[in-house]
Amino acid sequence: MSAFLLAVGQVIIIAIQLYIWLLIASAVLSWLIAFNVVNTRNQFVATVADFLWRVTEPALRPIRNVMPNLGGIDISPIILILILMFLQSFIRNLMLGV
């Protein structure tokens, strides 16, 4: 049974790490779009941007609702990444205890 729990823990850690990379990609792409480095009229860019927005926005929206307005700065991805890193650390510590 413990081998199964270790495998599930590893899958969860990998999924969290993948989601962190998607958050980073979403933030970088939003900066590139904001500074007109990439053109959203390009179908590939629009598709990638839409995918990243659909994947990350449901997790970022509750954080944005709680946070005060900081002007044009959005630190909700940083807060979510820190939460996810804490969750990864917590899962790793649980797995070491198994």
PDB file of N, CA and C in Angstrom:
ATOM      1  N   MET A   1       0.817  -1.195   0.000  1.00  0.00           N
ATOM      2  CA  MET A   1       0.000   0.000   0.000  1.00  0.00           C
ATOM      3  C   MET A   1       0.860   1.258   0.000  1.00  0.00           C
ATOM      4  N   SER A   2       1.998   1.243   0.675  1.00  0.00           N
ATOM      5  CA  SER A   2       2.824   2.449   0.733  1.00  0.00           C
ATOM      6  C   SER A   2       3.445   2.766  -0.626  1.00  0.00           C
ATOM      7  N   ALA A   3       3.734   1.747  -1.433  1.00  0.00           N
ATOM      8  CA  ALA A   3       4.265   2.002  -2.781  1.00  0.00           C
ATOM      9  C   ALA A   3       3.229   2.718  -3.630  1.00  0.00           C
ATOM     10  N   PHE A   4       1.969   2.350  -3.472  1.00  0.00           N
ATOM     11  CA  PHE A   4       0.895   3.020  -4.194  1.00  0.00           C
ATOM     12  C   PHE A   4       0.791   4.482  -3.774  1.00  0.00           C
ATOM     13  N   LEU A   5       0.864   4.757  -2.466  1.00  0.00           N
ATOM     14  CA  LEU A   5       0.794   6.129  -1.973  1.00  0.00           C
ATOM     15  C   LEU A   5       1.979   6.963  -2.438  1.00  0.00           C
ATOM     16  N   LEU A   6       3.160   6.342  -2.483  1.00  0.00           N
ATOM     17  CA  LEU A   6       4.323   7.057  -2.997  1.00  0.00           C
ATOM     18  C   LEU A   6       4.144   7.410  -4.468  1.00  0.00           C
ATOM     19  N   ALA A   7       3.602   6.484  -5.246  1.00  0.00           N
ATOM     20  CA  ALA A   7       3.363   6.743  -6.665  1.00  0.00           C
ATOM     21  C   ALA A   7       2.334   7.856  -6.859  1.00  0.00           C
ATOM     22  N   VAL A   8       1.277   7.824  -6.081  1.00  0.00           N
ATOM     23  CA  VAL A   8       0.257   8.878  -6.180  1.00  0.00           C
ATOM     24  C   VAL A   8       0.852  10.221  -5.769  1.00  0.00           C
ATOM     25  N   GLY A   9       1.654  10.226  -4.722  1.00  0.00           N
ATOM     26  CA  GLY A   9       2.307  11.459  -4.294  1.00  0.00           C
ATOM     27  C   GLY A   9       3.225  12.024  -5.361  1.00  0.00           C
ATOM     28  N   GLN A  10       3.966  11.149  -6.026  1.00  0.00           N
ATOM     29  CA  GLN A  10       4.846  11.596  -7.105  1.00  0.00           C
ATOM     30  C   GLN A  10       4.062  12.183  -8.266  1.00  0.00           C
ATOM     31  N   VAL A  11       2.941  11.566  -8.609  1.00  0.00           N
ATOM     32  CA  VAL A  11       2.099  12.081  -9.698  1.00  0.00           C
ATOM     33  C   VAL A  11       1.543  13.452  -9.325  1.00  0.00           C
ATOM     34  N   ILE A  12       1.124  13.617  -8.085  1.00  0.00           N
ATOM     35  CA  ILE A  12       0.602  14.913  -7.640  1.00  0.00           C
ATOM     36  C   ILE A  12       1.698  15.970  -7.678  1.00  0.00           C
ATOM     37  N   ILE A  13       2.891  15.634  -7.250  1.00  0.00           N
ATOM     38  CA  ILE A  13       4.008  16.580  -7.266  1.00  0.00           C
ATOM     39  C   ILE A  13       4.346  16.983  -8.702  1.00  0.00           C
ATOM     40  N   ILE A  14       4.344  16.033  -9.623  1.00  0.00           N
ATOM     41  CA  ILE A  14       4.617  16.330 -11.028  1.00  0.00           C
ATOM     42  C   ILE A  14       3.520  17.216 -11.609  1.00  0.00           C
ATOM     43  N   ALA A  15       2.264  16.950 -11.270  1.00  0.00           N
ATOM     44  CA  ALA A  15       1.154  17.766 -11.767  1.00  0.00           C
ATOM     45  C   ALA A  15       1.255  19.198 -11.233  1.00  0.00           C
ATOM     46  N   ILE A  16       1.626  19.355  -9.976  1.00  0.00           N
ATOM     47  CA  ILE A  16       1.791  20.691  -9.409  1.00  0.00           C
ATOM     48  C   ILE A  16       2.932  21.424 -10.108  1.00  0.00           C
ATOM     49  N   GLN A  17       4.033  20.725 -10.354  1.00  0.00           N
ATOM     50  CA  GLN A  17       5.170  21.344 -11.037  1.00  0.00           C
ATOM     51  C   GLN A  17       4.789  21.768 -12.456  1.00  0.00           C
ATOM     52  N   LEU A  18       4.036  20.942 -13.151  1.00  0.00           N
ATOM     53  CA  LEU A  18       3.567  21.291 -14.490  1.00  0.00           C
ATOM     54  C   LEU A  18       2.670  22.521 -14.435  1.00  0.00           C
ATOM     55  N   TYR A  19       1.795  22.610 -13.451  1.00  0.00           N
ATOM     56  CA  TYR A  19       0.913  23.760 -13.320  1.00  0.00           C
ATOM     57  C   TYR A  19       1.701  25.031 -13.007  1.00  0.00           C
ATOM     58  N   ILE A  20       2.767  24.914 -12.219  1.00  0.00           N
ATOM     59  CA  ILE A  20       3.624  26.071 -11.947  1.00  0.00           C
ATOM     60  C   ILE A  20       4.240  26.581 -13.241  1.00  0.00           C
ATOM     61  N   TRP A  21       4.694  25.653 -14.098  1.00  0.00           N
ATOM     62  CA  TRP A  21       5.269  26.067 -15.384  1.00  0.00           C
ATOM     63  C   TRP A  21       4.218  26.704 -16.280  1.00  0.00           C
ATOM     64  N   LEU A  22       2.989  26.228 -16.230  1.00  0.00           N
ATOM     65  CA  LEU A  22       1.914  26.854 -17.004  1.00  0.00           C
ATOM     66  C   LEU A  22       1.618  28.267 -16.497  1.00  0.00           C
ATOM     67  N   LEU A  23       1.669  28.473 -15.182  1.00  0.00           N
ATOM     68  CA  LEU A  23       1.487  29.812 -14.624  1.00  0.00           C
ATOM     69  C   LEU A  23       2.593  30.762 -15.084  1.00  0.00           C
ATOM     70  N   ILE A  24       3.822  30.278 -15.090  1.00  0.00           N
ATOM     71  CA  ILE A  24       4.937  31.106 -15.548  1.00  0.00           C
ATOM     72  C   ILE A  24       4.779  31.438 -17.030  1.00  0.00           C
ATOM     73  N   ALA A  25       4.420  30.443 -17.830  1.00  0.00           N
ATOM     74  CA  ALA A  25       4.226  30.681 -19.267  1.00  0.00           C
ATOM     75  C   ALA A  25       3.103  31.671 -19.512  1.00  0.00           C
ATOM     76  N   SER A  26       2.046  31.571 -18.744  1.00  0.00           N
ATOM     77  CA  SER A  26       0.925  32.498 -18.883  1.00  0.00           C
ATOM     78  C   SER A  26       1.345  33.922 -18.540  1.00  0.00           C
ATOM     79  N   ALA A  27       2.103  34.091 -17.478  1.00  0.00           N
ATOM     80  CA  ALA A  27       2.562  35.424 -17.085  1.00  0.00           C
ATOM     81  C   ALA A  27       3.492  36.016 -18.137  1.00  0.00           C
ATOM     82  N   VAL A  28       4.430  35.213 -18.623  1.00  0.00           N
ATOM     83  CA  VAL A  28       5.367  35.706 -19.638  1.00  0.00           C
ATOM     84  C   VAL A  28       4.627  36.061 -20.925  1.00  0.00           C
ATOM     85  N   LEU A  29       3.700  35.213 -21.340  1.00  0.00           N
ATOM     86  CA  LEU A  29       2.951  35.500 -22.564  1.00  0.00           C
ATOM     87  C   LEU A  29       2.099  36.755 -22.402  1.00  0.00           C
ATOM     88  N   SER A  30       1.541  36.969 -21.227  1.00  0.00           N
ATOM     89  CA  SER A  30       0.744  38.182 -21.025  1.00  0.00           C
ATOM     90  C   SER A  30       1.618  39.426 -21.110  1.00  0.00           C
ATOM     91  N   TRP A  31       2.859  39.345 -20.617  1.00  0.00           N
ATOM     92  CA  TRP A  31       3.782  40.472 -20.756  1.00  0.00           C
ATOM     93  C   TRP A  31       4.139  40.698 -22.222  1.00  0.00           C
ATOM     94  N   LEU A  32       4.399  39.612 -22.944  1.00  0.00           N
ATOM     95  CA  LEU A  32       4.750  39.741 -24.364  1.00  0.00           C
ATOM     96  C   LEU A  32       3.601  40.342 -25.168  1.00  0.00           C
ATOM     97  N   ILE A  33       2.382  39.981 -24.816  1.00  0.00           N
ATOM     98  CA  ILE A  33       1.220  40.561 -25.496  1.00  0.00           C
ATOM     99  C   ILE A  33       1.056  42.027 -25.105  1.00  0.00           C
ATOM    100  N   ALA A  34       1.245  42.346 -23.833  1.00  0.00           N
ATOM    101  CA  ALA A  34       1.081  43.722 -23.371  1.00  0.00           C
ATOM    102  C   ALA A  34       2.092  44.672 -24.006  1.00  0.00           C
ATOM    103  N   PHE A  35       3.303  44.208 -24.264  1.00  0.00           N
ATOM    104  CA  PHE A  35       4.341  45.043 -24.854  1.00  0.00           C
ATOM    105  C   PHE A  35       4.425  44.882 -26.374  1.00  0.00           C
ATOM    106  N   ASN A  36       3.415  44.262 -26.969  1.00  0.00           N
ATOM    107  CA  ASN A  36       3.323  44.069 -28.424  1.00  0.00           C
ATOM    108  C   ASN A  36       4.532  43.359 -29.024  1.00  0.00           C
ATOM    109  N   VAL A  37       5.080  42.414 -28.292  1.00  0.00           N
ATOM    110  CA  VAL A  37       6.173  41.605 -28.826  1.00  0.00           C
ATOM    111  C   VAL A  37       5.600  40.487 -29.692  1.00  0.00           C
ATOM    112  N   VAL A  38       4.495  39.925 -29.264  1.00  0.00           N
ATOM    113  CA  VAL A  38       3.801  38.912 -30.059  1.00  0.00           C
ATOM    114  C   VAL A  38       2.436  39.457 -30.459  1.00  0.00           C
ATOM    115  N   ASN A  39       1.960  38.994 -31.568  1.00  0.00           N
ATOM    116  CA  ASN A  39       0.709  39.479 -32.138  1.00  0.00           C
ATOM    117  C   ASN A  39      -0.388  38.455 -31.876  1.00  0.00           C
ATOM    118  N   THR A  40      -1.449  38.870 -31.211  1.00  0.00           N
ATOM    119  CA  THR A  40      -2.535  37.942 -30.906  1.00  0.00           C
ATOM    120  C   THR A  40      -3.401  37.644 -32.134  1.00  0.00           C
ATOM    121  N   ARG A  41      -3.172  38.360 -33.241  1.00  0.00           N
ATOM    122  CA  ARG A  41      -3.894  38.023 -34.472  1.00  0.00           C
ATOM    123  C   ARG A  41      -3.331  36.771 -35.128  1.00  0.00           C
ATOM    124  N   ASN A  42      -2.140  36.372 -34.700  1.00  0.00           N
ATOM    125  CA  ASN A  42      -1.577  35.097 -35.146  1.00  0.00           C
ATOM    126  C   ASN A  42      -2.390  33.984 -34.482  1.00  0.00           C
ATOM    127  N   GLN A  43      -2.884  33.055 -35.269  1.00  0.00           N
ATOM    128  CA  GLN A  43      -3.782  32.014 -34.761  1.00  0.00           C
ATOM    129  C   GLN A  43      -3.118  31.146 -33.699  1.00  0.00           C
ATOM    130  N   PHE A  44      -1.835  30.801 -33.894  1.00  0.00           N
ATOM    131  CA  PHE A  44      -1.133  29.969 -32.923  1.00  0.00           C
ATOM    132  C   PHE A  44      -0.993  30.697 -31.586  1.00  0.00           C
ATOM    133  N   VAL A  45      -0.595  31.963 -31.626  1.00  0.00           N
ATOM    134  CA  VAL A  45      -0.436  32.744 -30.401  1.00  0.00           C
ATOM    135  C   VAL A  45      -1.781  32.886 -29.693  1.00  0.00           C
ATOM    136  N   ALA A  46      -2.828  33.144 -30.461  1.00  0.00           N
ATOM    137  CA  ALA A  46      -4.161  33.287 -29.869  1.00  0.00           C
ATOM    138  C   ALA A  46      -4.613  31.983 -29.218  1.00  0.00           C
ATOM    139  N   THR A  47      -4.331  30.869 -29.857  1.00  0.00           N
ATOM    140  CA  THR A  47      -4.720  29.565 -29.309  1.00  0.00           C
ATOM    141  C   THR A  47      -3.965  29.264 -28.016  1.00  0.00           C
ATOM    142  N   VAL A  48      -2.658  29.521 -28.021  1.00  0.00           N
ATOM    143  CA  VAL A  48      -1.850  29.275 -26.818  1.00  0.00           C
ATOM    144  C   VAL A  48      -2.300  30.198 -25.687  1.00  0.00           C
ATOM    145  N   ALA A  49      -2.532  31.465 -26.001  1.00  0.00           N
ATOM    146  CA  ALA A  49      -2.973  32.418 -24.978  1.00  0.00           C
ATOM    147  C   ALA A  49      -4.325  32.018 -24.404  1.00  0.00           C
ATOM    148  N   ASP A  50      -5.236  31.591 -25.262  1.00  0.00           N
ATOM    149  CA  ASP A  50      -6.555  31.161 -24.789  1.00  0.00           C
ATOM    150  C   ASP A  50      -6.441  29.928 -23.905  1.00  0.00           C
ATOM    151  N   PHE A  51      -5.609  28.957 -24.304  1.00  0.00           N
ATOM    152  CA  PHE A  51      -5.413  27.751 -23.503  1.00  0.00           C
ATOM    153  C   PHE A  51      -4.848  28.099 -22.122  1.00  0.00           C
ATOM    154  N   LEU A  52      -3.792  28.934 -22.109  1.00  0.00           N
ATOM    155  CA  LEU A  52      -3.180  29.292 -20.831  1.00  0.00           C
ATOM    156  C   LEU A  52      -4.149  30.071 -19.946  1.00  0.00           C
ATOM    157  N   TRP A  53      -4.954  30.951 -20.551  1.00  0.00           N
ATOM    158  CA  TRP A  53      -5.922  31.712 -19.770  1.00  0.00           C
ATOM    159  C   TRP A  53      -6.973  30.776 -19.170  1.00  0.00           C
ATOM    160  N   ARG A  54      -7.471  29.822 -19.972  1.00  0.00           N
ATOM    161  CA  ARG A  54      -8.499  28.897 -19.480  1.00  0.00           C
ATOM    162  C   ARG A  54      -7.973  27.974 -18.390  1.00  0.00           C
ATOM    163  N   VAL A  55      -6.687  27.642 -18.445  1.00  0.00           N
ATOM    164  CA  VAL A  55      -6.107  26.733 -17.455  1.00  0.00           C
ATOM    165  C   VAL A  55      -5.761  27.460 -16.160  1.00  0.00           C
ATOM    166  N   THR A  56      -5.287  28.697 -16.266  1.00  0.00           N
ATOM    167  CA  THR A  56      -4.795  29.379 -15.065  1.00  0.00           C
ATOM    168  C   THR A  56      -5.819  30.299 -14.409  1.00  0.00           C
ATOM    169  N   GLU A  57      -6.732  30.845 -15.164  1.00  0.00           N
ATOM    170  CA  GLU A  57      -7.669  31.834 -14.618  1.00  0.00           C
ATOM    171  C   GLU A  57      -8.549  31.299 -13.483  1.00  0.00           C
ATOM    172  N   PRO A  58      -9.075  30.070 -13.552  1.00  0.00           N
ATOM    173  CA  PRO A  58      -9.909  29.603 -12.422  1.00  0.00           C
ATOM    174  C   PRO A  58      -9.168  29.564 -11.085  1.00  0.00           C
ATOM    175  N   ALA A  59      -7.873  29.322 -11.101  1.00  0.00           N
ATOM    176  CA  ALA A  59      -7.114  29.310  -9.844  1.00  0.00           C
ATOM    177  C   ALA A  59      -6.685  30.713  -9.429  1.00  0.00           C
ATOM    178  N   LEU A  60      -6.495  31.605 -10.391  1.00  0.00           N
ATOM    179  CA  LEU A  60      -6.035  32.957 -10.074  1.00  0.00           C
ATOM    180  C   LEU A  60      -7.172  33.889  -9.670  1.00  0.00           C
ATOM    181  N   ARG A  61      -8.365  33.666 -10.178  1.00  0.00           N
ATOM    182  CA  ARG A  61      -9.499  34.566  -9.915  1.00  0.00           C
ATOM    183  C   ARG A  61      -9.800  34.726  -8.422  1.00  0.00           C
ATOM    184  N   PRO A  62      -9.863  33.649  -7.618  1.00  0.00           N
ATOM    185  CA  PRO A  62     -10.141  33.850  -6.186  1.00  0.00           C
ATOM    186  C   PRO A  62      -9.052  34.664  -5.478  1.00  0.00           C
ATOM    187  N   ILE A  63      -7.808  34.496  -5.902  1.00  0.00           N
ATOM    188  CA  ILE A  63      -6.719  35.269  -5.296  1.00  0.00           C
ATOM    189  C   ILE A  63      -6.870  36.736  -5.664  1.00  0.00           C
ATOM    190  N   ARG A  64      -7.205  37.011  -6.917  1.00  0.00           N
ATOM    191  CA  ARG A  64      -7.396  38.396  -7.361  1.00  0.00           C
ATOM    192  C   ARG A  64      -8.574  39.060  -6.654  1.00  0.00           C
ATOM    193  N   ASN A  65      -9.609  38.287  -6.342  1.00  0.00           N
ATOM    194  CA  ASN A  65     -10.767  38.846  -5.641  1.00  0.00           C
ATOM    195  C   ASN A  65     -10.435  39.266  -4.212  1.00  0.00           C
ATOM    196  N   VAL A  66      -9.506  38.575  -3.578  1.00  0.00           N
ATOM    197  CA  VAL A  66      -9.143  38.860  -2.188  1.00  0.00           C
ATOM    198  C   VAL A  66      -8.110  39.976  -2.103  1.00  0.00           C
ATOM    199  N   MET A  67      -7.212  40.059  -3.075  1.00  0.00           N
ATOM    200  CA  MET A  67      -6.116  41.024  -3.036  1.00  0.00           C
ATOM    201  C   MET A  67      -6.596  42.449  -3.299  1.00  0.00           C
ATOM    202  N   PRO A  68      -5.951  43.428  -2.676  1.00  0.00           N
ATOM    203  CA  PRO A  68      -6.281  44.823  -2.986  1.00  0.00           C
ATOM    204  C   PRO A  68      -5.718  45.207  -4.355  1.00  0.00           C
ATOM    205  N   ASN A  69      -6.219  46.281  -4.916  1.00  0.00           N
ATOM    206  CA  ASN A  69      -5.753  46.765  -6.202  1.00  0.00           C
ATOM    207  C   ASN A  69      -4.355  47.373  -6.035  1.00  0.00           C
ATOM    208  N   LEU A  70      -3.394  46.875  -6.795  1.00  0.00           N
ATOM    209  CA  LEU A  70      -2.016  47.357  -6.700  1.00  0.00           C
ATOM    210  C   LEU A  70      -1.630  48.198  -7.917  1.00  0.00           C
ATOM    211  N   GLY A  71      -2.591  48.801  -8.558  1.00  0.00           N
ATOM    212  CA  GLY A  71      -2.300  49.553  -9.775  1.00  0.00           C
ATOM    213  C   GLY A  71      -2.344  48.610 -10.956  1.00  0.00           C
ATOM    214  N   GLY A  72      -1.308  48.590 -11.749  1.00  0.00           N
ATOM    215  CA  GLY A  72      -1.267  47.701 -12.905  1.00  0.00           C
ATOM    216  C   GLY A  72      -0.502  46.425 -12.642  1.00  0.00           C
ATOM    217  N   ILE A  73      -0.155  46.180 -11.384  1.00  0.00           N
ATOM    218  CA  ILE A  73       0.676  45.022 -11.056  1.00  0.00           C
ATOM    219  C   ILE A  73      -0.207  43.883 -10.557  1.00  0.00           C
ATOM    220  N   ASP A  74      -0.013  42.722 -11.159  1.00  0.00           N
ATOM    221  CA  ASP A  74      -0.767  41.539 -10.755  1.00  0.00           C
ATOM    222  C   ASP A  74       0.200  40.525 -10.163  1.00  0.00           C
ATOM    223  N   ILE A  75       0.169  40.365  -8.850  1.00  0.00           N
ATOM    224  CA  ILE A  75       1.072  39.412  -8.207  1.00  0.00           C
ATOM    225  C   ILE A  75       0.365  38.111  -7.839  1.00  0.00           C
ATOM    226  N   SER A  76      -0.853  37.928  -8.325  1.00  0.00           N
ATOM    227  CA  SER A  76      -1.576  36.698  -8.006  1.00  0.00           C
ATOM    228  C   SER A  76      -0.860  35.444  -8.515  1.00  0.00           C
ATOM    229  N   PRO A  77      -0.180  35.445  -9.691  1.00  0.00           N
ATOM    230  CA  PRO A  77       0.560  34.232 -10.060  1.00  0.00           C
ATOM    231  C   PRO A  77       1.680  33.908  -9.084  1.00  0.00           C
ATOM    232  N   ILE A  78       2.343  34.921  -8.562  1.00  0.00           N
ATOM    233  CA  ILE A  78       3.425  34.687  -7.599  1.00  0.00           C
ATOM    234  C   ILE A  78       2.864  34.080  -6.323  1.00  0.00           C
ATOM    235  N   ILE A  79       1.745  34.597  -5.855  1.00  0.00           N
ATOM    236  CA  ILE A  79       1.120  34.074  -4.645  1.00  0.00           C
ATOM    237  C   ILE A  79       0.690  32.622  -4.853  1.00  0.00           C
ATOM    238  N   LEU A  80       0.085  32.336  -6.018  1.00  0.00           N
ATOM    239  CA  LEU A  80      -0.345  30.962  -6.291  1.00  0.00           C
ATOM    240  C   LEU A  80       0.853  30.026  -6.411  1.00  0.00           C
ATOM    241  N   ILE A  81       1.937  30.480  -7.027  1.00  0.00           N
ATOM    242  CA  ILE A  81       3.139  29.644  -7.130  1.00  0.00           C
ATOM    243  C   ILE A  81       3.691  29.352  -5.744  1.00  0.00           C
ATOM    244  N   LEU A  82       3.712  30.335  -4.857  1.00  0.00           N
ATOM    245  CA  LEU A  82       4.196  30.092  -3.494  1.00  0.00           C
ATOM    246  C   LEU A  82       3.306  29.097  -2.754  1.00  0.00           C
ATOM    247  N   ILE A  83       2.005  29.216  -2.936  1.00  0.00           N
ATOM    248  CA  ILE A  83       1.077  28.261  -2.319  1.00  0.00           C
ATOM    249  C   ILE A  83       1.321  26.853  -2.851  1.00  0.00           C
ATOM    250  N   LEU A  84       1.506  26.739  -4.161  1.00  0.00           N
ATOM    251  CA  LEU A  84       1.736  25.427  -4.764  1.00  0.00           C
ATOM    252  C   LEU A  84       3.079  24.835  -4.322  1.00  0.00           C
ATOM    253  N   MET A  85       4.099  25.682  -4.176  1.00  0.00           N
ATOM    254  CA  MET A  85       5.386  25.178  -3.698  1.00  0.00           C
ATOM    255  C   MET A  85       5.282  24.696  -2.253  1.00  0.00           C
ATOM    256  N   PHE A  86       4.511  25.401  -1.441  1.00  0.00           N
ATOM    257  CA  PHE A  86       4.272  24.949  -0.071  1.00  0.00           C
ATOM    258  C   PHE A  86       3.552  23.604  -0.076  1.00  0.00           C
ATOM    259  N   LEU A  87       2.556  23.472  -0.955  1.00  0.00           N
ATOM    260  CA  LEU A  87       1.814  22.208  -1.063  1.00  0.00           C
ATOM    261  C   LEU A  87       2.731  21.070  -1.505  1.00  0.00           C
ATOM    262  N   GLN A  88       3.623  21.340  -2.451  1.00  0.00           N
ATOM    263  CA  GLN A  88       4.588  20.324  -2.878  1.00  0.00           C
ATOM    264  C   GLN A  88       5.476  19.890  -1.709  1.00  0.00           C
ATOM    265  N   SER A  89       5.956  20.854  -0.960  1.00  0.00           N
ATOM    266  CA  SER A  89       6.809  20.545   0.183  1.00  0.00           C
ATOM    267  C   SER A  89       6.053  19.724   1.220  1.00  0.00           C
ATOM    268  N   PHE A  90       4.799  20.083   1.449  1.00  0.00           N
ATOM    269  CA  PHE A  90       3.971  19.348   2.401  1.00  0.00           C
ATOM    270  C   PHE A  90       3.773  17.897   1.954  1.00  0.00           C
ATOM    271  N   ILE A  91       3.516  17.697   0.671  1.00  0.00           N
ATOM    272  CA  ILE A  91       3.316  16.344   0.144  1.00  0.00           C
ATOM    273  C   ILE A  91       4.608  15.546   0.239  1.00  0.00           C
ATOM    274  N   ARG A  92       5.732  16.184  -0.085  1.00  0.00           N
ATOM    275  CA  ARG A  92       7.025  15.480   0.029  1.00  0.00           C
ATOM    276  C   ARG A  92       7.288  15.046   1.462  1.00  0.00           C
ATOM    277  N   ASN A  93       6.996  15.928   2.426  1.00  0.00           N
ATOM    278  CA  ASN A  93       7.192  15.579   3.841  1.00  0.00           C
ATOM    279  C   ASN A  93       6.272  14.439   4.260  1.00  0.00           C
ATOM    280  N   LEU A  94       5.049  14.429   3.761  1.00  0.00           N
ATOM    281  CA  LEU A  94       4.145  13.307   4.054  1.00  0.00           C
ATOM    282  C   LEU A  94       4.673  12.010   3.470  1.00  0.00           C
ATOM    283  N   MET A  95       5.236  12.103   2.259  1.00  0.00           N
ATOM    284  CA  MET A  95       5.738  10.893   1.607  1.00  0.00           C
ATOM    285  C   MET A  95       6.956  10.341   2.337  1.00  0.00           C
ATOM    286  N   LEU A  96       7.773  11.206   2.914  1.00  0.00           N
ATOM    287  CA  LEU A  96       8.926  10.733   3.665  1.00  0.00           C
ATOM    288  C   LEU A  96       8.514  10.028   4.940  1.00  0.00           C
ATOM    289  N   GLY A  97       7.344  10.403   5.461  1.00  0.00           N
ATOM    290  CA  GLY A  97       6.855   9.770   6.668  1.00  0.00           C
ATOM    291  C   GLY A  97       6.171   8.432   6.407  1.00  0.00           C
ATOM    292  N   VAL A  98       5.859   8.147   5.141  1.00  0.00           N
ATOM    293  CA  VAL A  98       5.154   6.902   4.798  1.00  0.00           C
ATOM    294  C   VAL A  98       6.054   5.721   4.899  1.00  0.00           C
TER     295      VAL A  98
END
